[in-house]
């Protein structure tokens, strides 16, 4: 986690197989799952919840590096 006067930045790296570029735009939608992950457990809610919390706190969430290598969550610090 990094922090400056205005933003707290949490970076989460993923060392898995990544996400296909065509799946990347939907990753933060509820119940969206990458094509490769359809055979595994999960409901496709994790990143949607992260995005909802970040948005509720006037922050952002985005993919890190090439599609599927992690996410970056940025939240404002200070007065609301």
Protein backbone atom coordinates (compact mmCIF):
# COMPACT_ATOMS: atom_id res chain seq x y z
CA UNK A 1 0.00 0.00 0.00
CA UNK A 2 1.20 3.45 -0.91
CA UNK A 3 -0.05 6.74 0.45
CA UNK A 4 0.46 10.40 -0.25
CA UNK A 5 -1.40 13.47 0.96
CA UNK A 6 -4.41 12.87 -1.28
CA UNK A 7 -4.63 9.18 -2.18
CA UNK A 8 -4.20 5.74 -0.63
CA UNK A 9 -3.23 3.21 -3.29
CA UNK A 10 -3.58 -0.54 -2.76
CA UNK A 11 -2.01 -2.75 -5.41
CA UNK A 12 -2.89 -6.43 -5.57
CA UNK A 13 -0.81 -8.53 -7.95
CA UNK A 14 -2.10 -11.76 -9.47
CA UNK A 15 0.35 -14.44 -10.55
CA UNK A 16 -2.34 -16.57 -12.19
CA UNK A 17 -2.84 -17.13 -15.90
CA UNK A 18 -4.25 -13.65 -16.48
CA UNK A 19 -7.37 -12.54 -18.27
CA UNK A 20 -8.01 -12.47 -21.99
CA UNK A 21 -8.24 -8.91 -23.36
CA UNK A 22 -11.85 -9.48 -24.45
CA UNK A 23 -12.85 -10.33 -20.84
CA UNK A 24 -11.13 -7.31 -19.25
CA UNK A 25 -13.91 -4.70 -19.77
CA UNK A 26 -16.46 -6.83 -17.87
CA UNK A 27 -14.34 -7.87 -14.86
CA UNK A 28 -15.84 -5.28 -12.52
CA UNK A 29 -19.46 -6.17 -13.37
CA UNK A 30 -21.48 -8.39 -11.05
CA UNK A 31 -21.51 -12.07 -12.00
CA UNK A 32 -18.93 -11.55 -14.74
CA UNK A 33 -16.34 -14.27 -15.01
CA UNK A 34 -13.46 -14.68 -17.40
CA UNK A 35 -13.93 -17.49 -19.89
CA UNK A 36 -11.00 -19.45 -18.43
CA UNK A 37 -12.49 -19.36 -14.90
CA UNK A 38 -15.92 -20.74 -15.76
CA UNK A 39 -14.86 -24.25 -14.75
CA UNK A 40 -13.74 -23.14 -11.28
CA UNK A 41 -15.73 -22.14 -8.24
CA UNK A 42 -16.87 -18.59 -7.64
CA UNK A 43 -19.76 -16.38 -8.54
CA UNK A 44 -18.05 -13.43 -10.19
CA UNK A 45 -18.77 -11.01 -7.35
CA UNK A 46 -15.33 -10.29 -5.87
CA UNK A 47 -14.12 -7.54 -8.18
CA UNK A 48 -17.63 -6.11 -8.49
CA UNK A 49 -17.71 -5.68 -4.71
CA UNK A 50 -14.25 -4.09 -4.73
CA UNK A 51 -15.42 -1.64 -7.41
CA UNK A 52 -18.63 -0.82 -5.50
CA UNK A 53 -16.72 -0.07 -2.28
CA UNK A 54 -14.15 2.04 -4.12
CA UNK A 55 -16.88 4.00 -5.91
CA UNK A 56 -18.83 4.51 -2.67
CA UNK A 57 -15.72 6.16 -1.23
CA UNK A 58 -15.12 8.27 -4.36
CA UNK A 59 -12.23 6.07 -5.39
CA UNK A 60 -11.32 4.04 -8.43
CA UNK A 61 -10.33 0.49 -9.26
CA UNK A 62 -8.47 -0.54 -12.40
CA UNK A 63 -6.54 -3.42 -13.90
CA UNK A 64 -2.82 -3.53 -13.31
CA UNK A 65 -0.47 -3.93 -16.24
CA UNK A 66 -1.41 -6.35 -18.98
CA UNK A 67 -5.01 -7.52 -18.57
CA UNK A 68 -5.42 -9.74 -15.56
CA UNK A 69 -2.19 -9.22 -13.65
CA UNK A 70 -3.84 -7.58 -10.66
CA UNK A 71 -5.79 -4.51 -9.67
CA UNK A 72 -5.09 -1.07 -8.25
CA UNK A 73 -7.56 0.53 -5.84
CA UNK A 74 -7.18 4.26 -5.21
CA UNK A 75 -9.10 5.98 -2.42
CA UNK A 76 -9.04 9.68 -1.57
CA UNK A 77 -7.67 10.65 1.84
CA UNK A 78 -8.78 13.62 3.83
CA UNK A 79 -11.92 15.66 4.09
CA UNK A 80 -15.04 14.34 2.40
